[in-house]
Amino acid sequence: MKPGIGIIGTGMVGQMCHLANFAANPACRVVAIADLRPDLAAAAARKFGIPKIYGTHRELLADSAVSAVVVVTKRRATGPIVLDALNSGRHVLSEKPMAYTTAQAISLVEAARRQDLVYSIGYMKRHDAGVARALQVLARLRNDQSLGRIVQAKGWCFGGDTGRSHDNFVMTGEARPDGIELWQDGPDWMPREMRPGYDNFLNVFSHIINLSRYLLGSSPTVAKSAIEPSGAGRIILDFDGTECTMDLVNGSDGAWREGLTIDFERGAVTLELPPPFAEQEAEVIVEHDGQSTHLTGETSWAFRRQADAFVSDVAARAVPLASGADSVTDIALAETAWKQRSSG
């Protein structure tokens, strides 16, 4: 039987990146959407042919046809809604950040574990076909040692044009509603004035940190942190003796530039990521003996591949590429980096 998908949150990202992709997947059925903005929910349901509309996530979770949910809401509301969904026995894909503190994140993972549920976090870049090619190249290079050992790495994210498609969602003039349950937006020790920058750090820059863990090793430590109040800055992660320097810069009017270079003794592998909403793959560049080889493939979109993977994971009860259990580490690293900033 095809999984019945419920989408909670029908804003721009909810429609363009999630609703459109799940609605196009023949292996599942999008049976319902929920949004506190009734006009927006109705418009999205018409655009994507969704049969049921609910005003709250709790109403949607009472629908027995819904076996899995995608949560794309205000970031501080994500945790409480995900917890309700997991406690109701639904598999979950939620946008990141999954939470604001390690303790919050662990509480969600434990809820998923108690119910034996698939719990996936929206680090869609792990699903990029170019990233999959980079992973294969790195596995080969580590095995055959043709470029020697890895000596260092550097990542970067310079926000810019997100590459969104303006014809793939509808919007209304309704205000975002207040009065919904929100989780605390930072650890207890974090001063109030630091929290907007911390929110930006988790929302934008945790992507490249998560991706570096996927390619270099799952459990680095924070060797150094120099973060500005805005959330931009530089951090250095230590992967068992290999340092990865991350340069993180807030949005501009220019092109989106994001990627990761892994330097070997005799060459390098560079991963150049597309803008987050652009329907294109990352490019892999392998440098060896002064020559550069560019690896490209078919046109695909990380968000579409992420949606397809979630449906497959639910059907097979498989562990997602970006599981909730793994993604706790991203919250812990963010807390550590910001605590270093707070303590000077």
Protein backbone atom coordinates (compact mmCIF):
# COMPACT_ATOMS: atom_id res chain seq x y z
CA MET A 1 0.00 0.00 0.00
CA LYS A 2 1.30 3.45 -0.92
CA PRO A 3 2.28 5.65 2.05
CA GLY A 4 -0.20 8.46 2.72
CA ILE A 5 1.77 11.70 3.04
CA GLY A 6 0.60 14.75 4.96
CA ILE A 7 2.32 18.11 4.43
CA ILE A 8 2.33 20.42 7.45
CA GLY A 9 3.11 23.96 6.32
CA THR A 10 2.31 25.20 2.81
CA GLY A 11 4.53 28.26 2.47
CA MET A 12 6.95 28.77 -0.43
CA VAL A 13 9.39 26.03 0.62
CA GLY A 14 6.58 23.68 1.64
CA GLN A 15 5.03 23.91 -1.82
CA MET A 16 8.02 24.33 -4.12
CA CYS A 17 10.46 21.89 -2.50
CA HIS A 18 8.19 19.33 -0.85
CA LEU A 19 4.54 19.35 -1.91
CA ALA A 20 5.38 19.49 -5.63
CA ASN A 21 7.88 16.64 -5.35
CA PHE A 22 5.76 14.29 -3.24
CA ALA A 23 2.72 14.96 -5.43
CA ALA A 24 4.80 13.89 -8.45
CA ASN A 25 5.93 10.61 -6.87
CA PRO A 26 3.72 7.68 -8.00
CA ALA A 27 4.91 5.55 -5.06
CA CYS A 28 3.00 7.66 -2.51
CA ARG A 29 -0.20 9.67 -2.15
CA VAL A 30 -0.33 13.19 -0.72
CA VAL A 31 -3.62 12.81 1.13
CA ALA A 32 -3.74 16.02 3.18
CA ILE A 33 -2.15 19.35 3.96
CA ALA A 34 -2.37 21.49 7.09
CA ASP A 35 -1.77 25.21 7.45
CA LEU A 36 -3.00 27.85 9.89
CA ARG A 37 -3.63 30.15 6.90
CA PRO A 38 -6.87 28.86 5.36
CA ASP A 39 -6.69 30.79 2.10
CA LEU A 40 -3.13 29.64 1.46
CA ALA A 41 -4.00 26.02 2.27
CA ALA A 42 -6.96 26.15 -0.12
CA ALA A 43 -4.86 27.70 -2.90
CA ALA A 44 -2.10 25.10 -2.47
CA ALA A 45 -4.63 22.26 -2.43
CA ARG A 46 -6.11 23.50 -5.71
CA LYS A 47 -2.71 23.88 -7.35
CA PHE A 48 -1.49 20.41 -6.42
CA GLY A 49 -4.79 18.51 -6.33
CA ILE A 50 -4.76 17.62 -2.62
CA PRO A 51 -8.12 16.25 -1.39
CA LYS A 52 -8.05 17.22 2.31
CA ILE A 53 -7.23 20.46 4.09
CA TYR A 54 -6.78 20.85 7.84
CA GLY A 55 -6.40 24.00 9.91
CA THR A 56 -3.93 22.53 12.40
CA HIS A 57 -1.34 19.78 12.48
CA ARG A 58 -3.25 17.99 15.23
CA GLU A 59 -6.32 17.73 12.98
CA LEU A 60 -4.14 16.26 10.23
CA LEU A 61 -2.57 13.77 12.66
CA ALA A 62 -6.06 12.54 13.57
CA ASP A 63 -6.53 11.37 9.95
CA SER A 64 -5.81 7.63 9.78
CA ALA A 65 -4.96 7.92 6.05
CA VAL A 66 -1.79 9.82 6.96
CA SER A 67 1.11 7.45 7.63
CA ALA A 68 3.98 9.95 7.24
CA VAL A 69 4.32 13.72 7.47
CA VAL A 70 6.59 16.42 6.10
CA VAL A 71 6.99 19.34 8.52
CA VAL A 72 7.87 22.70 6.93
CA THR A 73 6.85 25.31 9.47
CA LYS A 74 8.27 28.25 11.38
CA ARG A 75 11.61 27.00 12.70
CA ARG A 76 10.79 27.36 16.38
CA ALA A 77 7.52 25.47 15.84
CA THR A 78 9.22 22.53 14.11
CA GLY A 79 10.21 20.66 17.27
CA PRO A 80 6.80 20.62 18.98
CA ILE A 81 5.01 19.58 15.76
CA VAL A 82 7.55 16.84 15.02
CA LEU A 83 7.21 15.54 18.57
CA ASP A 84 3.41 15.37 18.20
CA ALA A 85 3.78 13.56 14.88
CA LEU A 86 6.26 11.00 16.22
CA ASN A 87 4.18 10.38 19.33
CA SER A 88 1.18 9.76 17.05
CA GLY A 89 3.16 7.03 15.24
CA ARG A 90 3.89 8.93 12.00
CA HIS A 91 7.16 8.78 10.08
CA VAL A 92 8.65 12.27 9.73
CA LEU A 93 10.71 14.32 7.33
CA SER A 94 11.28 17.78 8.82
CA GLU A 95 13.12 20.80 7.57
CA LYS A 96 16.28 21.79 9.39
CA PRO A 97 17.24 22.79 11.93
CA MET A 98 15.59 19.90 13.73
CA ALA A 99 15.87 21.83 17.01
CA TYR A 100 17.82 24.60 18.75
CA THR A 101 19.54 22.61 21.48
CA THR A 102 21.10 19.17 21.71
CA ALA A 103 18.66 18.24 24.46
CA GLN A 104 15.68 19.17 22.27
CA ALA A 105 17.11 17.18 19.36
CA ILE A 106 17.75 14.11 21.49
CA SER A 107 14.16 14.19 22.78
CA LEU A 108 12.91 13.93 19.18
CA VAL A 109 15.28 11.10 18.31
CA GLU A 110 14.20 9.19 21.41
CA ALA A 111 10.52 9.63 20.45
CA ALA A 112 11.25 8.19 16.98
CA ARG A 113 13.21 5.30 18.49
CA ARG A 114 10.42 4.43 20.93
CA GLN A 115 7.96 4.11 18.05
CA ASP A 116 10.45 2.53 15.60
CA LEU A 117 9.82 5.28 13.05
CA VAL A 118 11.71 6.73 10.10
CA TYR A 119 12.86 10.20 11.12
CA SER A 120 14.67 12.21 8.44
CA ILE A 121 16.04 15.78 8.48
CA GLY A 122 15.97 17.99 5.38
CA TYR A 123 19.69 18.16 4.60
CA MET A 124 18.78 17.66 0.97
CA LYS A 125 22.34 18.28 -0.24
CA ARG A 126 23.22 14.74 0.88
CA HIS A 127 20.76 13.55 -1.78
CA ASP A 128 22.36 15.59 -4.59
CA ALA A 129 23.54 13.27 -7.39
CA GLY A 130 26.79 15.23 -7.62
CA VAL A 131 27.40 14.64 -3.93
CA ALA A 132 26.86 10.90 -4.54
CA ARG A 133 29.53 11.05 -7.26
CA ALA A 134 31.91 12.87 -4.93
CA LEU A 135 31.38 10.21 -2.27
CA GLN A 136 32.28 7.49 -4.80
CA VAL A 137 35.40 9.37 -5.93
CA LEU A 138 36.56 9.90 -2.35
CA ALA A 139 36.03 6.23 -1.51
CA ARG A 140 38.18 5.23 -4.50
CA LEU A 141 40.93 7.74 -3.69
CA ARG A 142 41.06 6.66 -0.06
CA ASN A 143 41.30 3.06 -1.19
CA ASP A 144 43.90 3.32 -3.99
CA GLN A 145 45.88 6.23 -2.45
CA SER A 146 46.54 7.58 -5.96
CA LEU A 147 46.54 11.16 -4.62
CA GLY A 148 48.13 10.26 -1.30
CA ARG A 149 46.48 11.05 1.99
CA ILE A 150 44.02 13.83 2.82
CA VAL A 151 45.90 16.78 4.33
CA GLN A 152 43.21 19.44 4.82
CA ALA A 153 39.79 20.60 3.69
CA LYS A 154 37.96 23.88 3.31
CA GLY A 155 34.29 24.65 2.96
CA TRP A 156 32.49 27.84 2.13
CA CYS A 157 29.00 29.29 1.92
CA PHE A 158 28.50 32.76 0.45
CA GLY A 159 24.74 33.24 0.31
CA GLY A 160 23.19 34.92 -2.72
CA ASP A 161 20.51 34.19 -5.31
CA THR A 162 18.73 31.02 -4.11
CA GLY A 163 17.63 30.00 -7.61
CA ARG A 164 13.97 29.60 -6.71
CA SER A 165 11.31 28.91 -9.34
CA HIS A 166 8.59 31.56 -9.09
CA ASP A 167 5.94 29.53 -10.93
CA ASN A 168 6.02 26.52 -8.62
CA PHE A 169 4.08 27.91 -5.66
CA VAL A 170 1.16 30.17 -4.80
CA MET A 171 0.97 32.69 -1.97
CA THR A 172 -1.72 34.81 -0.33
CA GLY A 173 -1.58 37.99 1.69
CA GLU A 174 -2.43 36.29 4.97
CA ALA A 175 -0.26 37.09 7.96
CA ARG A 176 1.64 34.33 9.70
CA PRO A 177 -0.46 33.38 12.74
CA ASP A 178 0.73 33.72 16.32
CA GLY A 179 -0.18 31.65 19.34
CA ILE A 180 1.41 28.36 18.20
CA GLU A 181 3.69 26.37 20.48
CA LEU A 182 7.34 27.35 20.09
CA TRP A 183 10.47 25.80 21.54
CA GLN A 184 13.19 27.90 23.13
CA ASP A 185 15.43 29.30 20.41
CA GLY A 186 18.77 28.54 22.03
CA PRO A 187 20.50 26.98 25.02
CA ASP A 188 19.86 28.45 28.48
CA TRP A 189 23.35 29.97 28.62
CA MET A 190 22.92 31.89 25.34
CA PRO A 191 22.12 35.61 25.76
CA ARG A 192 18.96 36.82 24.05
CA GLU A 193 20.86 39.14 21.70
CA MET A 194 22.86 36.23 20.25
CA ARG A 195 19.88 34.11 19.29
CA PRO A 196 18.89 35.69 15.94
CA GLY A 197 22.43 35.08 14.64
CA TYR A 198 22.38 31.55 16.04
CA ASP A 199 19.07 30.95 14.23
CA ASN A 200 20.63 32.15 10.97
CA PHE A 201 23.69 29.94 11.53
CA LEU A 202 21.54 26.84 12.02
CA ASN A 203 19.23 27.60 9.10
CA VAL A 204 21.83 28.50 6.45
CA PHE A 205 25.28 27.32 7.45
CA SER A 206 24.45 23.98 9.07
CA HIS A 207 24.04 22.61 5.51
CA ILE A 208 27.74 22.80 4.63
CA ILE A 209 28.73 21.57 8.09
CA ASN A 210 26.41 18.59 7.71
CA LEU A 211 27.79 17.89 4.23
CA SER A 212 31.39 18.03 5.45
CA ARG A 213 30.51 15.37 8.02
CA TYR A 214 28.94 13.22 5.30
CA LEU A 215 32.13 13.32 3.22
CA LEU A 216 34.88 13.54 5.84
CA GLY A 217 33.61 11.78 8.96
CA SER A 218 30.53 11.90 11.13
CA SER A 219 31.94 13.20 14.44
CA PRO A 220 34.37 16.13 14.20
CA THR A 221 35.23 18.49 17.03
CA VAL A 222 35.23 22.30 16.93
CA ALA A 223 38.91 23.32 16.93
CA LYS A 224 38.29 27.06 16.58
CA SER A 225 35.31 29.37 16.24
CA ALA A 226 35.13 33.04 15.25
CA ILE A 227 31.47 33.89 14.69
CA GLU A 228 29.95 37.34 14.16
CA PRO A 229 26.65 38.38 15.79
CA SER A 230 24.91 37.81 12.43
CA GLY A 231 25.90 34.13 12.43
CA ALA A 232 28.56 34.55 9.75
CA GLY A 233 32.21 33.88 10.48
CA ARG A 234 34.82 31.13 10.38
CA ILE A 235 34.96 27.83 12.20
CA ILE A 236 37.55 25.06 12.02
CA LEU A 237 36.43 21.46 12.43
CA ASP A 238 38.90 18.74 13.35
CA PHE A 239 38.22 15.38 11.68
CA ASP A 240 40.62 13.10 13.58
CA GLY A 241 43.60 15.32 12.82
CA THR A 242 42.42 16.67 9.47
CA GLU A 243 41.30 20.29 9.76
CA CYS A 244 38.41 21.67 7.71
CA THR A 245 38.12 25.45 7.66
CA MET A 246 34.61 26.80 7.06
CA ASP A 247 34.11 30.36 5.76
CA LEU A 248 30.50 31.42 6.24
CA VAL A 249 29.17 34.68 4.79
CA ASN A 250 25.61 36.03 4.80
CA GLY A 251 23.49 36.74 1.75
CA SER A 252 24.27 39.21 -0.99
CA ASP A 253 22.78 40.24 -4.32
CA GLY A 254 25.27 38.11 -6.23
CA ALA A 255 25.49 34.42 -7.11
CA TRP A 256 25.16 31.72 -4.47
CA ARG A 257 28.58 30.13 -3.88
CA GLU A 258 28.88 27.04 -1.70
CA GLY A 259 31.21 24.09 -1.76
CA LEU A 260 33.91 21.95 -0.25
CA THR A 261 37.49 21.23 -1.33
CA ILE A 262 39.36 18.24 0.06
CA ASP A 263 43.12 18.55 -0.47
CA PHE A 264 45.23 15.43 -0.90
CA GLU A 265 49.03 15.30 -1.02
CA ARG A 266 49.00 15.18 -4.83
CA GLY A 267 45.68 16.69 -5.83
CA ALA A 268 42.23 17.69 -4.67
CA VAL A 269 38.53 16.98 -4.97
CA THR A 270 36.21 19.99 -5.12
CA LEU A 271 32.44 19.89 -4.81
CA GLU A 272 30.66 23.00 -6.14
CA LEU A 273 27.06 23.11 -4.98
CA PRO A 274 24.19 24.75 -6.87
CA PRO A 275 21.97 27.39 -5.26
CA PRO A 276 19.62 25.64 -2.80
CA PHE A 277 16.44 25.89 -4.90
CA ALA A 278 18.06 25.46 -8.33
CA GLU A 279 17.07 22.26 -10.12
CA GLN A 280 20.61 21.20 -10.99
CA GLU A 281 23.31 18.92 -9.63
CA ALA A 282 26.55 19.70 -7.84
CA GLU A 283 29.72 19.58 -9.92
CA VAL A 284 32.71 17.46 -8.91
CA ILE A 285 36.20 18.56 -9.95
CA VAL A 286 39.16 16.20 -9.51
CA GLU A 287 42.66 17.73 -9.74
CA HIS A 288 45.58 15.38 -10.42
CA ASP A 289 49.03 16.12 -11.91
CA GLY A 290 48.01 19.68 -12.77
CA GLN A 291 44.95 18.51 -14.75
CA SER A 292 41.31 19.06 -13.79
CA THR A 293 38.54 16.58 -14.58
CA HIS A 294 34.94 17.79 -14.27
CA LEU A 295 32.40 15.08 -13.43
CA THR A 296 28.82 15.82 -14.39
CA GLY A 297 25.72 13.67 -14.82
CA GLU A 298 22.07 13.94 -15.74
CA THR A 299 19.95 16.86 -14.60
CA SER A 300 18.29 16.14 -11.28
CA TRP A 301 17.21 18.02 -8.17
CA ALA A 302 18.29 17.23 -4.62
CA PHE A 303 14.82 18.06 -3.25
CA ARG A 304 13.16 15.60 -5.65
CA ARG A 305 15.70 12.90 -4.77
CA GLN A 306 15.16 13.60 -1.08
CA ALA A 307 11.38 13.19 -1.41
CA ASP A 308 11.79 9.95 -3.36
CA ALA A 309 14.26 8.63 -0.76
CA PHE A 310 11.89 9.41 2.11
CA VAL A 311 9.08 7.45 0.44
CA SER A 312 11.45 4.53 -0.13
CA ASP A 313 12.78 4.71 3.42
CA VAL A 314 9.26 4.65 4.85
CA ALA A 315 8.32 1.63 2.72
CA ALA A 316 11.48 -0.26 3.74
CA ARG A 317 11.82 1.13 7.28
CA ALA A 318 15.35 2.12 6.23
CA VAL A 319 17.73 4.55 7.94
CA PRO A 320 17.72 7.89 6.03
CA LEU A 321 20.87 9.50 4.62
CA ALA A 322 20.28 12.40 7.01
CA SER A 323 18.62 10.68 9.96
CA GLY A 324 17.48 12.49 13.06
CA ALA A 325 19.96 10.46 15.10
CA ASP A 326 22.88 11.59 12.92
CA SER A 327 21.70 15.20 12.69
CA VAL A 328 21.87 15.71 16.46
CA THR A 329 25.61 16.18 15.86
CA ASP A 330 24.97 19.32 13.81
CA ILE A 331 23.09 20.91 16.71
CA ALA A 332 25.83 19.89 19.15
CA LEU A 333 28.54 21.38 16.91
CA ALA A 334 26.58 24.62 16.57
CA GLU A 335 26.16 24.87 20.34
CA THR A 336 29.88 24.27 20.87
CA ALA A 337 30.90 26.84 18.24
CA TRP A 338 28.62 29.49 19.71
CA LYS A 339 29.65 28.72 23.28
CA GLN A 340 33.25 29.40 22.25
CA ARG A 341 32.07 32.73 20.86
CA SER A 342 30.14 33.54 24.05
CA SER A 343 33.14 32.75 26.26
CA GLY A 344 35.51 34.76 24.04
